[in-house]
N, C-alpha and C. Protein backbone atom coordinates (compact mmCIF):
# COMPACT_ATOMS: atom_id res chain seq x y z
N MET A 1 70.92 53.92 -7.48
CA MET A 1 69.74 54.35 -6.75
C MET A 1 69.20 53.15 -5.97
N SER A 2 68.98 53.32 -4.69
CA SER A 2 68.53 52.22 -3.86
C SER A 2 67.01 52.04 -3.97
N VAL A 3 66.58 50.84 -3.72
CA VAL A 3 65.16 50.48 -3.78
C VAL A 3 64.58 50.63 -2.38
N PRO A 4 63.39 51.23 -2.26
CA PRO A 4 62.77 51.32 -0.93
C PRO A 4 62.52 49.92 -0.36
N LEU A 5 62.59 49.82 0.95
CA LEU A 5 62.44 48.53 1.62
C LEU A 5 61.13 47.86 1.25
N TYR A 6 60.02 48.62 1.21
CA TYR A 6 58.73 48.01 0.88
C TYR A 6 58.73 47.41 -0.52
N GLN A 7 59.46 48.04 -1.43
CA GLN A 7 59.55 47.51 -2.79
C GLN A 7 60.41 46.24 -2.81
N ALA A 8 61.49 46.23 -2.06
CA ALA A 8 62.34 45.03 -1.98
C ALA A 8 61.55 43.87 -1.37
N LYS A 9 60.74 44.16 -0.37
CA LYS A 9 59.90 43.12 0.24
C LYS A 9 58.89 42.59 -0.76
N ALA A 10 58.29 43.49 -1.53
CA ALA A 10 57.31 43.06 -2.54
C ALA A 10 57.97 42.16 -3.57
N GLU A 11 59.18 42.49 -3.99
CA GLU A 11 59.90 41.66 -4.95
C GLU A 11 60.22 40.29 -4.35
N PHE A 12 60.57 40.27 -3.07
CA PHE A 12 60.86 39.01 -2.39
C PHE A 12 59.63 38.12 -2.37
N PHE A 13 58.48 38.68 -1.98
CA PHE A 13 57.26 37.88 -1.93
C PHE A 13 56.79 37.48 -3.33
N ARG A 14 57.04 38.31 -4.32
CA ARG A 14 56.71 37.96 -5.70
C ARG A 14 57.56 36.76 -6.15
N MET A 15 58.84 36.77 -5.73
CA MET A 15 59.73 35.66 -6.07
C MET A 15 59.21 34.36 -5.45
N LEU A 16 58.62 34.43 -4.27
CA LEU A 16 58.07 33.25 -3.62
C LEU A 16 56.73 32.82 -4.21
N GLY A 17 56.13 33.67 -5.01
CA GLY A 17 54.76 33.48 -5.47
C GLY A 17 54.55 32.46 -6.58
N HIS A 18 55.09 31.28 -6.41
CA HIS A 18 54.84 30.22 -7.38
C HIS A 18 54.66 28.91 -6.61
N PRO A 19 53.62 28.14 -6.91
CA PRO A 19 53.35 26.92 -6.14
C PRO A 19 54.51 25.93 -6.10
N VAL A 20 55.23 25.79 -7.20
CA VAL A 20 56.35 24.85 -7.21
C VAL A 20 57.46 25.33 -6.28
N ARG A 21 57.72 26.63 -6.29
CA ARG A 21 58.76 27.16 -5.40
C ARG A 21 58.38 26.97 -3.94
N ILE A 22 57.12 27.21 -3.62
CA ILE A 22 56.66 27.01 -2.24
C ILE A 22 56.80 25.55 -1.85
N ARG A 23 56.43 24.64 -2.73
CA ARG A 23 56.53 23.21 -2.42
C ARG A 23 57.98 22.80 -2.22
N VAL A 24 58.87 23.32 -3.05
CA VAL A 24 60.30 23.03 -2.89
C VAL A 24 60.76 23.49 -1.50
N LEU A 25 60.38 24.69 -1.12
CA LEU A 25 60.81 25.21 0.18
C LEU A 25 60.23 24.38 1.33
N GLU A 26 58.99 23.93 1.17
CA GLU A 26 58.40 23.07 2.19
C GLU A 26 59.20 21.77 2.33
N LEU A 27 59.54 21.17 1.20
CA LEU A 27 60.28 19.91 1.22
C LEU A 27 61.69 20.09 1.79
N LEU A 28 62.33 21.20 1.46
CA LEU A 28 63.69 21.41 1.92
C LEU A 28 63.75 21.72 3.42
N GLN A 29 62.62 22.02 4.03
CA GLN A 29 62.59 22.19 5.48
C GLN A 29 62.97 20.87 6.17
N LEU A 30 62.75 19.76 5.48
CA LEU A 30 63.07 18.44 6.03
C LEU A 30 64.56 18.16 5.96
N GLY A 31 65.27 18.94 5.17
CA GLY A 31 66.71 18.75 5.00
C GLY A 31 67.08 18.78 3.54
N PRO A 32 68.38 18.78 3.24
CA PRO A 32 68.84 18.81 1.85
C PRO A 32 68.28 17.63 1.07
N MET A 33 67.98 17.88 -0.22
CA MET A 33 67.40 16.84 -1.07
C MET A 33 68.01 16.90 -2.46
N PRO A 34 68.25 15.73 -3.04
CA PRO A 34 68.70 15.71 -4.43
C PRO A 34 67.53 16.04 -5.36
N VAL A 35 67.87 16.49 -6.54
CA VAL A 35 66.84 16.86 -7.52
C VAL A 35 65.88 15.70 -7.78
N ARG A 36 66.40 14.49 -7.88
CA ARG A 36 65.52 13.34 -8.18
C ARG A 36 64.46 13.16 -7.08
N ALA A 37 64.80 13.43 -5.82
CA ALA A 37 63.82 13.31 -4.73
C ALA A 37 62.79 14.43 -4.83
N LEU A 38 63.23 15.62 -5.20
CA LEU A 38 62.28 16.72 -5.38
C LEU A 38 61.32 16.40 -6.52
N LEU A 39 61.86 15.86 -7.61
CA LEU A 39 61.01 15.49 -8.75
C LEU A 39 59.99 14.42 -8.36
N ALA A 40 60.40 13.48 -7.54
CA ALA A 40 59.49 12.41 -7.12
C ALA A 40 58.37 12.96 -6.24
N ALA A 41 58.66 14.02 -5.50
CA ALA A 41 57.68 14.57 -4.56
C ALA A 41 56.77 15.64 -5.18
N ILE A 42 57.21 16.19 -6.31
CA ILE A 42 56.46 17.28 -6.95
C ILE A 42 56.10 16.84 -8.36
N ASP A 43 54.85 16.92 -8.70
CA ASP A 43 54.38 16.47 -10.01
C ASP A 43 54.56 17.57 -11.05
N VAL A 44 55.82 17.75 -11.49
CA VAL A 44 56.12 18.74 -12.54
C VAL A 44 57.15 18.14 -13.48
N GLU A 45 57.27 18.75 -14.62
CA GLU A 45 58.28 18.34 -15.59
C GLU A 45 59.66 18.74 -15.06
N PRO A 46 60.68 17.96 -15.35
CA PRO A 46 62.03 18.30 -14.89
C PRO A 46 62.47 19.71 -15.28
N SER A 47 62.12 20.13 -16.49
CA SER A 47 62.52 21.47 -16.94
C SER A 47 61.85 22.56 -16.11
N ASN A 48 60.59 22.34 -15.72
CA ASN A 48 59.89 23.31 -14.88
C ASN A 48 60.53 23.38 -13.50
N LEU A 49 60.83 22.23 -12.91
CA LEU A 49 61.49 22.22 -11.60
C LEU A 49 62.84 22.91 -11.68
N SER A 50 63.59 22.62 -12.72
CA SER A 50 64.89 23.24 -12.90
C SER A 50 64.78 24.76 -12.96
N GLN A 51 63.79 25.23 -13.69
CA GLN A 51 63.56 26.68 -13.82
C GLN A 51 63.23 27.30 -12.46
N GLN A 52 62.37 26.64 -11.69
CA GLN A 52 61.97 27.19 -10.39
C GLN A 52 63.12 27.13 -9.38
N LEU A 53 63.92 26.07 -9.45
CA LEU A 53 65.10 25.98 -8.58
C LEU A 53 66.10 27.08 -8.92
N ALA A 54 66.22 27.40 -10.20
CA ALA A 54 67.14 28.47 -10.62
C ALA A 54 66.70 29.81 -10.04
N VAL A 55 65.40 30.07 -10.03
CA VAL A 55 64.88 31.32 -9.45
C VAL A 55 65.24 31.39 -7.97
N LEU A 56 65.01 30.30 -7.25
CA LEU A 56 65.31 30.27 -5.81
C LEU A 56 66.82 30.39 -5.55
N ARG A 57 67.61 29.78 -6.41
CA ARG A 57 69.06 29.85 -6.27
C ARG A 57 69.57 31.27 -6.52
N ARG A 58 69.07 31.91 -7.58
CA ARG A 58 69.49 33.29 -7.90
C ARG A 58 69.11 34.25 -6.77
N ALA A 59 67.98 33.98 -6.12
CA ALA A 59 67.52 34.84 -5.03
C ALA A 59 68.30 34.58 -3.74
N GLY A 60 69.08 33.50 -3.72
CA GLY A 60 69.86 33.18 -2.53
C GLY A 60 69.07 32.46 -1.46
N ILE A 61 67.91 31.93 -1.83
CA ILE A 61 67.03 31.24 -0.89
C ILE A 61 67.47 29.80 -0.69
N VAL A 62 67.98 29.18 -1.75
CA VAL A 62 68.49 27.81 -1.66
C VAL A 62 69.93 27.77 -2.17
N THR A 63 70.62 26.72 -1.76
CA THR A 63 71.97 26.48 -2.26
C THR A 63 71.96 25.15 -3.00
N ALA A 64 72.89 25.01 -3.91
CA ALA A 64 73.03 23.76 -4.67
C ALA A 64 74.47 23.29 -4.56
N THR A 65 74.62 22.01 -4.25
CA THR A 65 75.95 21.42 -4.24
C THR A 65 75.93 20.18 -5.11
N ARG A 66 77.03 19.95 -5.79
CA ARG A 66 77.12 18.80 -6.69
C ARG A 66 77.93 17.71 -5.99
N ASP A 67 77.35 16.52 -6.00
CA ASP A 67 78.02 15.35 -5.46
C ASP A 67 78.07 14.33 -6.59
N SER A 68 79.18 14.31 -7.28
CA SER A 68 79.35 13.46 -8.46
C SER A 68 78.35 13.92 -9.52
N THR A 69 77.35 13.09 -9.85
CA THR A 69 76.37 13.48 -10.87
C THR A 69 75.07 13.99 -10.25
N THR A 70 75.01 14.06 -8.93
CA THR A 70 73.79 14.45 -8.23
C THR A 70 73.91 15.88 -7.72
N VAL A 71 72.87 16.68 -7.95
CA VAL A 71 72.81 18.02 -7.40
C VAL A 71 71.86 17.98 -6.21
N VAL A 72 72.36 18.46 -5.08
CA VAL A 72 71.58 18.46 -3.84
C VAL A 72 71.26 19.90 -3.47
N TYR A 73 69.98 20.15 -3.20
CA TYR A 73 69.53 21.48 -2.81
C TYR A 73 69.25 21.53 -1.33
N ALA A 74 69.47 22.71 -0.75
CA ALA A 74 69.20 22.93 0.67
C ALA A 74 68.77 24.37 0.87
N LEU A 75 68.07 24.63 1.96
CA LEU A 75 67.73 26.00 2.30
C LEU A 75 69.02 26.74 2.66
N ALA A 76 69.11 27.99 2.25
CA ALA A 76 70.32 28.76 2.51
C ALA A 76 70.43 29.17 3.98
N GLY A 77 69.32 29.17 4.68
CA GLY A 77 69.33 29.54 6.10
C GLY A 77 68.03 29.13 6.75
N THR A 78 67.93 29.33 8.03
CA THR A 78 66.74 28.91 8.77
C THR A 78 65.60 29.92 8.66
N ASP A 79 65.89 31.14 8.25
CA ASP A 79 64.84 32.16 8.18
C ASP A 79 63.72 31.79 7.22
N VAL A 80 64.05 31.15 6.10
CA VAL A 80 63.03 30.77 5.13
C VAL A 80 62.11 29.71 5.73
N ALA A 81 62.69 28.75 6.46
CA ALA A 81 61.87 27.73 7.13
C ALA A 81 60.96 28.39 8.15
N ASP A 82 61.47 29.38 8.87
CA ASP A 82 60.64 30.11 9.83
C ASP A 82 59.50 30.82 9.13
N LEU A 83 59.79 31.42 7.98
CA LEU A 83 58.77 32.11 7.20
C LEU A 83 57.69 31.14 6.73
N MET A 84 58.09 29.96 6.28
CA MET A 84 57.12 28.96 5.82
C MET A 84 56.23 28.49 6.98
N ARG A 85 56.82 28.31 8.16
CA ARG A 85 56.03 27.92 9.33
C ARG A 85 55.07 29.03 9.73
N ALA A 86 55.53 30.28 9.66
CA ALA A 86 54.67 31.42 9.98
C ALA A 86 53.50 31.51 8.99
N ALA A 87 53.76 31.28 7.73
CA ALA A 87 52.70 31.30 6.71
C ALA A 87 51.67 30.22 7.01
N ARG A 88 52.12 29.05 7.43
CA ARG A 88 51.21 27.95 7.76
C ARG A 88 50.32 28.34 8.95
N ARG A 89 50.94 28.96 9.96
CA ARG A 89 50.15 29.39 11.14
C ARG A 89 49.12 30.45 10.75
N ILE A 90 49.53 31.40 9.93
CA ILE A 90 48.62 32.47 9.51
C ILE A 90 47.45 31.88 8.73
N LEU A 91 47.75 31.00 7.78
CA LEU A 91 46.69 30.37 6.98
C LEU A 91 45.76 29.53 7.85
N THR A 92 46.32 28.82 8.80
CA THR A 92 45.50 28.02 9.71
C THR A 92 44.55 28.92 10.49
N ASP A 93 45.06 30.02 11.02
CA ASP A 93 44.21 30.96 11.77
C ASP A 93 43.11 31.55 10.88
N LEU A 94 43.48 31.90 9.65
CA LEU A 94 42.49 32.46 8.72
C LEU A 94 41.39 31.44 8.41
N LEU A 95 41.79 30.21 8.15
CA LEU A 95 40.81 29.18 7.83
C LEU A 95 39.94 28.83 9.03
N LEU A 96 40.51 28.82 10.22
CA LEU A 96 39.71 28.58 11.41
C LEU A 96 38.69 29.69 11.60
N GLY A 97 39.10 30.92 11.33
CA GLY A 97 38.17 32.05 11.42
C GLY A 97 37.05 31.93 10.42
N GLN A 98 37.36 31.47 9.22
CA GLN A 98 36.33 31.29 8.20
C GLN A 98 35.40 30.15 8.57
N GLU A 99 35.95 29.11 9.19
CA GLU A 99 35.12 27.97 9.61
C GLU A 99 34.13 28.41 10.69
N GLU A 100 34.60 29.25 11.62
CA GLU A 100 33.72 29.76 12.66
C GLU A 100 32.62 30.64 12.06
N LEU A 101 32.98 31.48 11.09
CA LEU A 101 32.01 32.34 10.42
C LEU A 101 30.99 31.49 9.67
N LEU A 102 31.44 30.45 8.98
CA LEU A 102 30.54 29.56 8.27
C LEU A 102 29.56 28.89 9.23
N ALA A 103 30.06 28.44 10.38
CA ALA A 103 29.18 27.81 11.38
C ALA A 103 28.13 28.80 11.87
N GLU A 104 28.54 30.05 12.09
CA GLU A 104 27.58 31.08 12.53
C GLU A 104 26.52 31.31 11.46
N LEU A 105 26.94 31.38 10.20
CA LEU A 105 26.00 31.58 9.10
C LEU A 105 25.04 30.42 8.99
N CYS A 106 25.53 29.20 9.12
CA CYS A 106 24.67 28.03 9.05
C CYS A 106 23.66 28.03 10.21
N ASP A 107 24.12 28.40 11.41
CA ASP A 107 23.22 28.48 12.57
C ASP A 107 22.15 29.53 12.33
N ALA A 108 22.53 30.68 11.77
CA ALA A 108 21.58 31.76 11.52
C ALA A 108 20.56 31.32 10.48
N ASP A 109 21.01 30.60 9.44
CA ASP A 109 20.10 30.10 8.41
C ASP A 109 19.12 29.10 9.00
N ALA A 110 19.61 28.22 9.87
CA ALA A 110 18.76 27.21 10.48
C ALA A 110 17.69 27.85 11.37
N ARG A 111 18.04 28.91 12.06
CA ARG A 111 17.08 29.60 12.94
C ARG A 111 16.02 30.35 12.16
N SER A 112 16.39 30.82 10.95
CA SER A 112 15.46 31.63 10.18
C SER A 112 14.46 30.78 9.39
N GLU A 113 14.68 29.49 9.34
CA GLU A 113 13.76 28.62 8.57
C GLU A 113 12.54 28.25 9.36
């Protein structure tokens, strides 16, 4: 039985819904990184990072290659980087809108005093 597209999309976004996973994806936009570099950039326990990387790997969002004793992670494609950039633009627009609303509220408060 196939899953409706909206449900598959919800599962995809739920898979992305962890701060460590988002941070990993942000870092991997810069290019492939070994686990030790990811650990240095993200303040989490190695076991937690490993668990989050496994989720991203199972989902096909990142790839892992072994170079001797080092495991290097990379984004599986450019679409995820595009999604992360789109999320940043959306959040920026939302926050700018809130900043404008806050300024209007402050102006209204100042006029009413």
